[in-house]
Amino acid sequence: MTRRLILASTSPYRRELLARLRVAFDAIAPEVDEAALPGESPLALAQRLAVRKAQAVATRYPDAVVIGSDQVADLQGQALGKPGTHERAVQQLRTMRGCDVRFHTAVAVLCVNAPFHQQMVNTVRVRFRNLTDDEIERYLRLEQPYDCAGSAKCETLGIALVEAIESDDPTALVGLPLIGTSAMLRAAGVDPLAGA
């Protein structure tokens, strides 16, 4: 039986990444509160939200294989979320200049009726340049990355903000680590190469 695949996300970046696997899927908003719990670490927050997003959609579609994902930028234990505004993005980038920031991207794959549940997290270390205020302003005017954790889109112009990126999955920083996601999808019975 071929199960329906659902991405529990409204993120255009995650939709674009999953589409690279050439498997048919639907994207459905999980409608989950993304606020951190008191004392919750950035890593724990990313993991909890990935599972919650997958669960929120999987309970409505129990026969489907559902992918939930979340990314949290971690600056020395402080979670940096999506800035939402220009002012917050300026503050985030000023705080991150000259620093190492870890981007935790968690993924959960669920199927209620299989039953199937696997999850993983991929952490990417990004070393930011010692950016000037003028560079930050120019970047934000050009890119407007207000919907990205940590205010930087490294897949586009944001790459000019960094000195180095350490990762074992080139898609993780964009928002969905496809190497780990592909492995979990195969385990759930959705093989991107099966119909090739």
Protein backbone atom coordinates (compact mmCIF):
# COMPACT_ATOMS: atom_id res chain seq x y z
CA MET A 1 0.00 0.00 0.00
CA THR A 2 1.36 3.40 -1.00
CA ARG A 3 0.72 5.88 1.77
CA ARG A 4 0.03 9.54 1.27
CA LEU A 5 3.00 11.75 2.19
CA ILE A 6 2.34 15.00 4.03
CA LEU A 7 4.75 17.75 4.98
CA ALA A 8 3.45 19.37 8.17
CA SER A 9 4.74 22.81 7.29
CA THR A 10 3.93 26.13 5.67
CA SER A 11 7.62 26.81 4.96
CA PRO A 12 8.34 27.41 1.25
CA TYR A 13 11.95 26.40 1.92
CA ARG A 14 10.96 22.97 3.25
CA ARG A 15 8.51 22.45 0.40
CA GLU A 16 11.23 23.23 -2.14
CA LEU A 17 13.67 20.86 -0.45
CA LEU A 18 11.22 17.96 -0.19
CA ALA A 19 10.26 18.45 -3.84
CA ARG A 20 13.89 17.62 -4.74
CA LEU A 21 13.15 13.99 -3.80
CA ARG A 22 10.53 13.82 -6.57
CA VAL A 23 7.91 12.18 -4.38
CA ALA A 24 4.32 13.39 -4.42
CA PHE A 25 3.34 15.15 -1.20
CA ASP A 26 0.90 17.63 0.25
CA ALA A 27 1.84 20.47 2.59
CA ILE A 28 -0.55 21.10 5.47
CA ALA A 29 -0.17 23.74 8.18
CA PRO A 30 0.34 22.07 11.57
CA GLU A 31 -0.92 25.09 13.57
CA VAL A 32 1.38 24.52 16.54
CA ASP A 33 2.43 27.11 19.14
CA GLU A 34 6.17 27.54 18.61
CA ALA A 35 6.93 29.30 21.90
CA ALA A 36 9.71 27.79 24.00
CA LEU A 37 8.90 26.25 27.35
CA PRO A 38 10.54 27.76 30.45
CA GLY A 39 14.16 26.61 30.62
CA GLU A 40 13.93 24.68 27.34
CA SER A 41 17.21 24.44 25.43
CA PRO A 42 17.31 25.35 21.72
CA LEU A 43 17.98 21.71 20.81
CA ALA A 44 15.07 20.43 22.93
CA LEU A 45 12.81 23.12 21.46
CA ALA A 46 13.59 22.08 17.88
CA GLN A 47 13.01 18.40 18.71
CA ARG A 48 9.74 19.02 20.55
CA LEU A 49 8.33 21.25 17.81
CA ALA A 50 9.24 18.81 15.02
CA VAL A 51 7.35 16.02 16.83
CA ARG A 52 4.41 18.29 17.73
CA LYS A 53 4.04 19.47 14.13
CA ALA A 54 4.07 15.90 12.82
CA GLN A 55 1.61 14.76 15.51
CA ALA A 56 -0.77 17.67 14.85
CA VAL A 57 -1.20 16.58 11.23
CA ALA A 58 -0.81 12.81 11.71
CA THR A 59 -3.78 12.67 14.10
CA ARG A 60 -5.96 14.15 11.32
CA TYR A 61 -4.50 11.83 8.64
CA PRO A 62 -3.67 8.57 10.49
CA ASP A 63 -2.92 6.58 7.30
CA ALA A 64 -0.45 9.14 5.95
CA VAL A 65 3.30 9.38 6.46
CA VAL A 66 3.81 12.82 7.98
CA ILE A 67 7.02 14.85 8.19
CA GLY A 68 7.38 17.50 10.88
CA SER A 69 10.45 19.71 11.11
CA ASP A 70 11.71 22.71 13.01
CA GLN A 71 14.92 24.71 13.09
CA VAL A 72 16.26 26.74 15.99
CA ALA A 73 19.41 28.86 15.92
CA ASP A 74 21.47 28.41 19.09
CA LEU A 75 23.87 31.12 20.24
CA GLN A 76 25.60 29.88 23.39
CA GLY A 77 22.41 28.24 24.65
CA GLN A 78 20.11 31.11 23.67
CA ALA A 79 17.44 30.30 21.07
CA LEU A 80 17.22 32.68 18.14
CA GLY A 81 13.99 32.26 16.24
CA LYS A 82 12.55 33.97 13.18
CA PRO A 83 13.02 37.71 13.67
CA GLY A 84 9.77 38.78 12.03
CA THR A 85 10.87 42.44 11.80
CA HIS A 86 13.80 44.42 10.47
CA GLU A 87 14.68 45.68 13.94
CA ARG A 88 14.85 42.20 15.43
CA ALA A 89 16.90 40.95 12.49
CA VAL A 90 19.42 43.77 13.01
CA GLN A 91 19.69 42.82 16.69
CA GLN A 92 20.14 39.12 15.90
CA LEU A 93 22.89 39.71 13.35
CA ARG A 94 24.68 42.15 15.66
CA THR A 95 24.57 39.54 18.41
CA MET A 96 25.88 36.79 16.12
CA ARG A 97 28.76 38.71 14.49
CA GLY A 98 32.10 37.06 15.13
CA CYS A 99 30.38 34.10 16.82
CA ASP A 100 29.72 30.42 16.21
CA VAL A 101 26.01 29.68 15.96
CA ARG A 102 24.56 26.18 15.89
CA PHE A 103 21.45 25.61 13.80
CA HIS A 104 19.51 22.60 15.11
CA THR A 105 17.14 21.15 12.52
CA ALA A 106 14.93 18.41 13.93
CA VAL A 107 12.79 16.08 11.83
CA ALA A 108 10.08 13.64 12.90
CA VAL A 109 8.40 11.14 10.57
CA LEU A 110 5.15 9.59 11.81
CA CYS A 111 2.41 7.30 10.58
CA VAL A 112 -0.23 6.63 13.23
CA ASN A 113 -1.74 3.52 11.66
CA ALA A 114 1.54 1.84 10.60
CA PRO A 115 2.55 2.49 13.43
CA PHE A 116 5.79 4.33 12.63
CA HIS A 117 7.73 7.02 14.50
CA GLN A 118 11.32 8.08 13.94
CA GLN A 119 13.06 11.34 14.65
CA MET A 120 16.49 12.86 14.26
CA VAL A 121 18.31 16.16 14.59
CA ASN A 122 21.04 17.61 12.43
CA THR A 123 23.20 20.39 13.85
CA VAL A 124 25.13 22.74 11.58
CA ARG A 125 27.82 25.04 12.97
CA VAL A 126 28.04 28.45 11.30
CA ARG A 127 30.84 30.90 12.06
CA PHE A 128 29.69 34.45 11.29
CA ARG A 129 32.06 37.16 10.14
CA ASN A 130 32.61 40.22 12.31
CA LEU A 131 29.96 42.14 10.37
CA THR A 132 29.77 45.92 10.32
CA ASP A 133 26.47 47.68 10.93
CA ASP A 134 26.50 48.85 7.29
CA GLU A 135 26.93 45.26 6.04
CA ILE A 136 24.03 44.12 8.21
CA GLU A 137 21.77 46.90 6.93
CA ARG A 138 22.70 46.29 3.28
CA TYR A 139 22.13 42.55 3.63
CA LEU A 140 18.75 42.96 5.32
CA ARG A 141 17.55 45.50 2.73
CA LEU A 142 18.50 43.13 -0.10
CA GLU A 143 17.42 39.79 1.40
CA GLN A 144 14.69 40.57 3.97
CA PRO A 145 15.16 37.18 5.72
CA TYR A 146 12.59 37.90 8.42
CA ASP A 147 11.08 34.40 8.20
CA CYS A 148 14.42 32.61 8.76
CA ALA A 149 15.83 31.46 12.10
CA GLY A 150 18.81 33.66 12.90
CA SER A 151 18.05 36.19 10.13
CA ALA A 152 20.42 34.61 7.61
CA LYS A 153 19.63 32.75 4.38
CA CYS A 154 22.92 31.01 3.67
CA GLU A 155 21.55 29.40 0.51
CA THR A 156 21.51 32.86 -1.08
CA LEU A 157 23.22 36.18 -0.24
CA GLY A 158 23.53 35.25 3.44
CA ILE A 159 26.55 33.14 2.51
CA ALA A 160 28.50 36.43 2.38
CA LEU A 161 27.88 36.84 6.14
CA VAL A 162 29.81 33.74 7.17
CA GLU A 163 33.39 32.56 7.50
CA ALA A 164 32.68 28.83 7.65
CA ILE A 165 29.91 26.23 7.74
CA GLU A 166 30.42 22.76 9.22
CA SER A 167 27.78 20.22 8.21
CA ASP A 168 27.37 16.62 7.08
CA ASP A 169 24.21 17.46 5.09
CA PRO A 170 24.21 20.45 2.71
CA THR A 171 20.41 20.82 2.93
CA ALA A 172 20.16 20.93 6.73
CA LEU A 173 20.87 24.63 7.08
CA VAL A 174 18.12 25.48 4.59
CA GLY A 175 15.59 23.76 6.84
CA LEU A 176 15.18 20.06 6.01
CA PRO A 177 18.16 17.66 6.17
CA LEU A 178 17.38 15.47 3.18
CA ILE A 179 19.93 12.74 3.92
CA GLY A 180 18.35 11.89 7.28
CA THR A 181 14.83 12.57 6.02
CA SER A 182 15.34 10.20 3.07
CA ALA A 183 16.53 7.45 5.42
CA MET A 184 13.46 7.83 7.64
CA LEU A 185 11.13 7.91 4.62
CA ARG A 186 12.65 4.66 3.31
CA ALA A 187 12.11 3.09 6.74
CA ALA A 188 8.48 4.27 6.59
CA GLY A 189 8.00 2.70 3.14
CA VAL A 190 8.39 5.84 1.01
CA ASP A 191 11.44 5.33 -1.19
CA PRO A 192 12.26 8.26 -3.51
CA LEU A 193 14.14 5.88 -5.84
CA ALA A 194 11.49 3.16 -5.96
CA GLY A 195 9.66 4.62 -8.95
CA ALA A 196 12.74 5.99 -10.73
